[in-house]
Amino acid sequence: MSITKTKKTEIINAFKSSEHDNGGSVESQVAVLTERIRNLTEHMKKNHKDEHSKRGLLMMVNRRKKLLAYIKKRNADEYEELIKKLGLRK
């Protein structure tokens, strides 16, 4: 259900914005959140009555939505590229 430390490191390395980025950049935060959302979505398909996880999922989706809005406001081209790379819809 949760992502492993190595998987998280791989995601951060794939989406980091600079050489010194350790996962704090907005792009890498969105990428990690997307992976967690995908994992939790699979959990929710099997356990549809799990209300606590459902709340956590909604909170993660909203946090990702806010971060994506920030990226879009800052740089629209970067936003489009990130959406395409993560396979998200607008």
N, C-alpha and C. Protein backbone atom coordinates (compact mmCIF):
# COMPACT_ATOMS: atom_id res chain seq x y z
N MET A 1 0.83 -1.19 0.00
CA MET A 1 0.00 0.00 0.00
C MET A 1 0.87 1.25 0.00
N SER A 2 1.90 1.29 0.82
CA SER A 2 2.75 2.48 0.84
C SER A 2 3.94 2.26 -0.10
N ILE A 3 4.57 3.35 -0.49
CA ILE A 3 5.71 3.21 -1.38
C ILE A 3 6.98 3.01 -0.57
N THR A 4 7.90 2.25 -1.13
CA THR A 4 9.14 1.97 -0.43
C THR A 4 10.09 3.15 -0.54
N LYS A 5 11.10 3.13 0.29
CA LYS A 5 12.09 4.21 0.30
C LYS A 5 12.84 4.27 -1.03
N THR A 6 13.16 3.11 -1.59
CA THR A 6 13.89 3.09 -2.85
C THR A 6 13.03 3.61 -3.99
N LYS A 7 11.75 3.24 -3.99
CA LYS A 7 10.83 3.71 -5.03
C LYS A 7 10.68 5.23 -4.95
N LYS A 8 10.57 5.75 -3.72
CA LYS A 8 10.45 7.19 -3.52
C LYS A 8 11.71 7.91 -4.01
N THR A 9 12.87 7.36 -3.72
CA THR A 9 14.13 7.94 -4.18
C THR A 9 14.22 7.95 -5.70
N GLU A 10 13.77 6.85 -6.33
CA GLU A 10 13.76 6.78 -7.80
C GLU A 10 12.87 7.87 -8.39
N ILE A 11 11.71 8.05 -7.80
CA ILE A 11 10.76 9.06 -8.29
C ILE A 11 11.36 10.46 -8.14
N ILE A 12 11.95 10.72 -6.98
CA ILE A 12 12.54 12.04 -6.73
C ILE A 12 13.68 12.30 -7.71
N ASN A 13 14.52 11.30 -7.96
CA ASN A 13 15.62 11.47 -8.91
C ASN A 13 15.12 11.71 -10.32
N ALA A 14 14.00 11.12 -10.68
CA ALA A 14 13.45 11.30 -12.02
C ALA A 14 12.85 12.70 -12.21
N PHE A 15 12.33 13.29 -11.14
CA PHE A 15 11.61 14.55 -11.26
C PHE A 15 12.30 15.74 -10.60
N LYS A 16 13.51 15.56 -10.09
CA LYS A 16 14.13 16.67 -9.37
C LYS A 16 14.47 17.82 -10.31
N SER A 17 14.37 19.03 -9.76
CA SER A 17 14.55 20.23 -10.57
C SER A 17 15.99 20.70 -10.63
N SER A 18 16.81 20.32 -9.63
CA SER A 18 18.23 20.68 -9.65
C SER A 18 19.05 19.54 -9.04
N GLU A 19 20.35 19.68 -9.09
CA GLU A 19 21.24 18.64 -8.58
C GLU A 19 21.12 18.48 -7.06
N HIS A 20 20.80 19.57 -6.37
CA HIS A 20 20.73 19.56 -4.91
C HIS A 20 19.34 19.26 -4.38
N ASP A 21 18.42 18.93 -5.25
CA ASP A 21 17.04 18.66 -4.85
C ASP A 21 16.94 17.28 -4.20
N ASN A 22 16.43 17.24 -2.98
CA ASN A 22 16.26 15.98 -2.26
C ASN A 22 14.78 15.62 -2.10
N GLY A 23 13.94 16.14 -2.95
CA GLY A 23 12.52 15.83 -2.86
C GLY A 23 11.69 16.99 -2.41
N GLY A 24 12.29 18.14 -2.22
CA GLY A 24 11.55 19.30 -1.74
C GLY A 24 10.94 20.14 -2.84
N SER A 25 11.37 19.94 -4.07
CA SER A 25 10.82 20.74 -5.16
C SER A 25 9.37 20.34 -5.40
N VAL A 26 8.62 21.27 -5.92
CA VAL A 26 7.19 21.04 -6.14
C VAL A 26 6.97 19.89 -7.11
N GLU A 27 7.79 19.81 -8.14
CA GLU A 27 7.64 18.76 -9.15
C GLU A 27 7.82 17.37 -8.54
N SER A 28 8.84 17.21 -7.71
CA SER A 28 9.07 15.90 -7.11
C SER A 28 8.00 15.58 -6.07
N GLN A 29 7.49 16.60 -5.37
CA GLN A 29 6.39 16.37 -4.42
C GLN A 29 5.15 15.86 -5.15
N VAL A 30 4.86 16.47 -6.30
CA VAL A 30 3.69 16.05 -7.09
C VAL A 30 3.89 14.62 -7.59
N ALA A 31 5.10 14.28 -8.01
CA ALA A 31 5.37 12.93 -8.52
C ALA A 31 5.20 11.88 -7.42
N VAL A 32 5.71 12.17 -6.22
CA VAL A 32 5.57 11.23 -5.11
C VAL A 32 4.10 11.10 -4.70
N LEU A 33 3.41 12.23 -4.64
CA LEU A 33 1.98 12.19 -4.31
C LEU A 33 1.20 11.37 -5.33
N THR A 34 1.55 11.51 -6.60
CA THR A 34 0.86 10.76 -7.66
C THR A 34 1.04 9.26 -7.46
N GLU A 35 2.25 8.85 -7.12
CA GLU A 35 2.50 7.42 -6.88
C GLU A 35 1.71 6.93 -5.67
N ARG A 36 1.69 7.72 -4.60
CA ARG A 36 0.93 7.34 -3.41
C ARG A 36 -0.56 7.27 -3.72
N ILE A 37 -1.06 8.20 -4.52
CA ILE A 37 -2.48 8.22 -4.89
C ILE A 37 -2.83 6.98 -5.70
N ARG A 38 -1.94 6.60 -6.62
CA ARG A 38 -2.20 5.40 -7.43
C ARG A 38 -2.24 4.15 -6.56
N ASN A 39 -1.32 4.06 -5.60
CA ASN A 39 -1.31 2.90 -4.70
C ASN A 39 -2.56 2.86 -3.83
N LEU A 40 -2.96 4.01 -3.31
CA LEU A 40 -4.13 4.07 -2.44
C LEU A 40 -5.42 3.83 -3.23
N THR A 41 -5.43 4.22 -4.49
CA THR A 41 -6.59 3.97 -5.33
C THR A 41 -6.80 2.46 -5.52
N GLU A 42 -5.69 1.74 -5.71
CA GLU A 42 -5.78 0.28 -5.82
C GLU A 42 -6.30 -0.33 -4.52
N HIS A 43 -5.83 0.19 -3.39
CA HIS A 43 -6.31 -0.29 -2.09
C HIS A 43 -7.81 -0.04 -1.95
N MET A 44 -8.26 1.12 -2.39
CA MET A 44 -9.67 1.48 -2.25
C MET A 44 -10.57 0.63 -3.14
N LYS A 45 -10.04 0.15 -4.26
CA LYS A 45 -10.83 -0.74 -5.13
C LYS A 45 -11.15 -2.05 -4.41
N LYS A 46 -10.21 -2.52 -3.59
CA LYS A 46 -10.40 -3.77 -2.87
C LYS A 46 -11.15 -3.56 -1.55
N ASN A 47 -10.95 -2.39 -0.93
CA ASN A 47 -11.51 -2.11 0.39
C ASN A 47 -12.36 -0.85 0.34
N HIS A 48 -13.48 -0.93 -0.33
CA HIS A 48 -14.29 0.26 -0.58
C HIS A 48 -14.93 0.83 0.68
N LYS A 49 -14.95 0.09 1.77
CA LYS A 49 -15.56 0.60 3.01
C LYS A 49 -14.54 1.26 3.94
N ASP A 50 -13.31 1.34 3.54
CA ASP A 50 -12.24 1.92 4.36
C ASP A 50 -12.33 3.45 4.32
N GLU A 51 -13.10 4.00 5.23
CA GLU A 51 -13.36 5.45 5.24
C GLU A 51 -12.12 6.26 5.61
N HIS A 52 -11.27 5.73 6.48
CA HIS A 52 -10.07 6.47 6.89
C HIS A 52 -9.11 6.63 5.72
N SER A 53 -8.93 5.58 4.95
CA SER A 53 -8.06 5.67 3.78
C SER A 53 -8.68 6.56 2.71
N LYS A 54 -9.99 6.53 2.61
CA LYS A 54 -10.68 7.38 1.64
C LYS A 54 -10.41 8.86 1.93
N ARG A 55 -10.45 9.20 3.22
CA ARG A 55 -10.18 10.58 3.63
C ARG A 55 -8.73 10.96 3.30
N GLY A 56 -7.80 10.05 3.58
CA GLY A 56 -6.40 10.30 3.26
C GLY A 56 -6.18 10.47 1.77
N LEU A 57 -6.88 9.66 0.98
CA LEU A 57 -6.79 9.76 -0.48
C LEU A 57 -7.29 11.12 -0.95
N LEU A 58 -8.43 11.56 -0.44
CA LEU A 58 -8.97 12.86 -0.84
C LEU A 58 -8.03 13.99 -0.43
N MET A 59 -7.41 13.89 0.73
CA MET A 59 -6.47 14.92 1.17
C MET A 59 -5.25 14.97 0.25
N MET A 60 -4.76 13.81 -0.16
CA MET A 60 -3.61 13.78 -1.07
C MET A 60 -3.96 14.35 -2.44
N VAL A 61 -5.14 14.00 -2.94
CA VAL A 61 -5.58 14.52 -4.24
C VAL A 61 -5.70 16.04 -4.20
N ASN A 62 -6.25 16.57 -3.10
CA ASN A 62 -6.38 18.02 -2.98
C ASN A 62 -5.03 18.70 -2.85
N ARG A 63 -4.10 18.10 -2.12
CA ARG A 63 -2.76 18.68 -1.99
C ARG A 63 -2.07 18.71 -3.34
N ARG A 64 -2.20 17.61 -4.11
CA ARG A 64 -1.60 17.56 -5.45
C ARG A 64 -2.22 18.60 -6.36
N LYS A 65 -3.54 18.78 -6.25
CA LYS A 65 -4.25 19.76 -7.06
C LYS A 65 -3.72 21.18 -6.79
N LYS A 66 -3.50 21.49 -5.51
CA LYS A 66 -2.97 22.81 -5.14
C LYS A 66 -1.55 23.00 -5.66
N LEU A 67 -0.72 21.97 -5.54
CA LEU A 67 0.65 22.07 -6.02
C LEU A 67 0.69 22.22 -7.53
N LEU A 68 -0.19 21.51 -8.24
CA LEU A 68 -0.25 21.63 -9.70
C LEU A 68 -0.72 23.03 -10.10
N ALA A 69 -1.65 23.59 -9.35
CA ALA A 69 -2.12 24.95 -9.64
C ALA A 69 -0.98 25.95 -9.46
N TYR A 70 -0.14 25.73 -8.45
CA TYR A 70 1.01 26.59 -8.21
C TYR A 70 2.00 26.50 -9.38
N ILE A 71 2.27 25.27 -9.84
CA ILE A 71 3.19 25.09 -10.97
C ILE A 71 2.63 25.75 -12.22
N LYS A 72 1.34 25.59 -12.46
CA LYS A 72 0.70 26.17 -13.64
C LYS A 72 0.79 27.70 -13.61
N LYS A 73 0.62 28.28 -12.43
CA LYS A 73 0.70 29.73 -12.29
C LYS A 73 2.13 30.21 -12.51
N ARG A 74 3.10 29.42 -12.04
CA ARG A 74 4.51 29.79 -12.13
C ARG A 74 5.05 29.64 -13.55
N ASN A 75 4.71 28.50 -14.20
CA ASN A 75 5.24 28.23 -15.53
C ASN A 75 4.33 27.23 -16.23
N ALA A 76 3.55 27.71 -17.20
CA ALA A 76 2.56 26.86 -17.86
C ALA A 76 3.20 25.74 -18.68
N ASP A 77 4.34 26.01 -19.31
CA ASP A 77 5.01 24.98 -20.11
C ASP A 77 5.52 23.84 -19.22
N GLU A 78 6.07 24.20 -18.08
CA GLU A 78 6.54 23.21 -17.12
C GLU A 78 5.38 22.34 -16.62
N TYR A 79 4.24 22.98 -16.40
CA TYR A 79 3.02 22.29 -15.96
C TYR A 79 2.60 21.26 -17.01
N GLU A 80 2.54 21.68 -18.27
CA GLU A 80 2.13 20.77 -19.36
C GLU A 80 3.07 19.58 -19.45
N GLU A 81 4.37 19.84 -19.32
CA GLU A 81 5.36 18.78 -19.41
C GLU A 81 5.21 17.78 -18.26
N LEU A 82 4.98 18.31 -17.06
CA LEU A 82 4.82 17.45 -15.88
C LEU A 82 3.57 16.59 -15.98
N ILE A 83 2.47 17.19 -16.43
CA ILE A 83 1.21 16.45 -16.60
C ILE A 83 1.40 15.31 -17.59
N LYS A 84 2.09 15.60 -18.68
CA LYS A 84 2.31 14.58 -19.71
C LYS A 84 3.21 13.47 -19.18
N LYS A 85 4.25 13.85 -18.44
CA LYS A 85 5.21 12.88 -17.90
C LYS A 85 4.57 11.95 -16.86
N LEU A 86 3.65 12.50 -16.07
CA LEU A 86 2.98 11.71 -15.03
C LEU A 86 1.76 10.96 -15.56
N GLY A 87 1.30 11.32 -16.75
CA GLY A 87 0.13 10.66 -17.32
C GLY A 87 -1.16 11.11 -16.67
N LEU A 88 -1.23 12.38 -16.26
CA LEU A 88 -2.44 12.92 -15.65
C LEU A 88 -3.25 13.68 -16.69
N ARG A 89 -4.53 13.84 -16.40
CA ARG A 89 -5.36 14.67 -17.27
C ARG A 89 -5.47 16.05 -16.66
N LYS A 90 -5.84 17.01 -17.47
CA LYS A 90 -5.89 18.39 -17.01
C LYS A 90 -7.06 18.65 -16.12
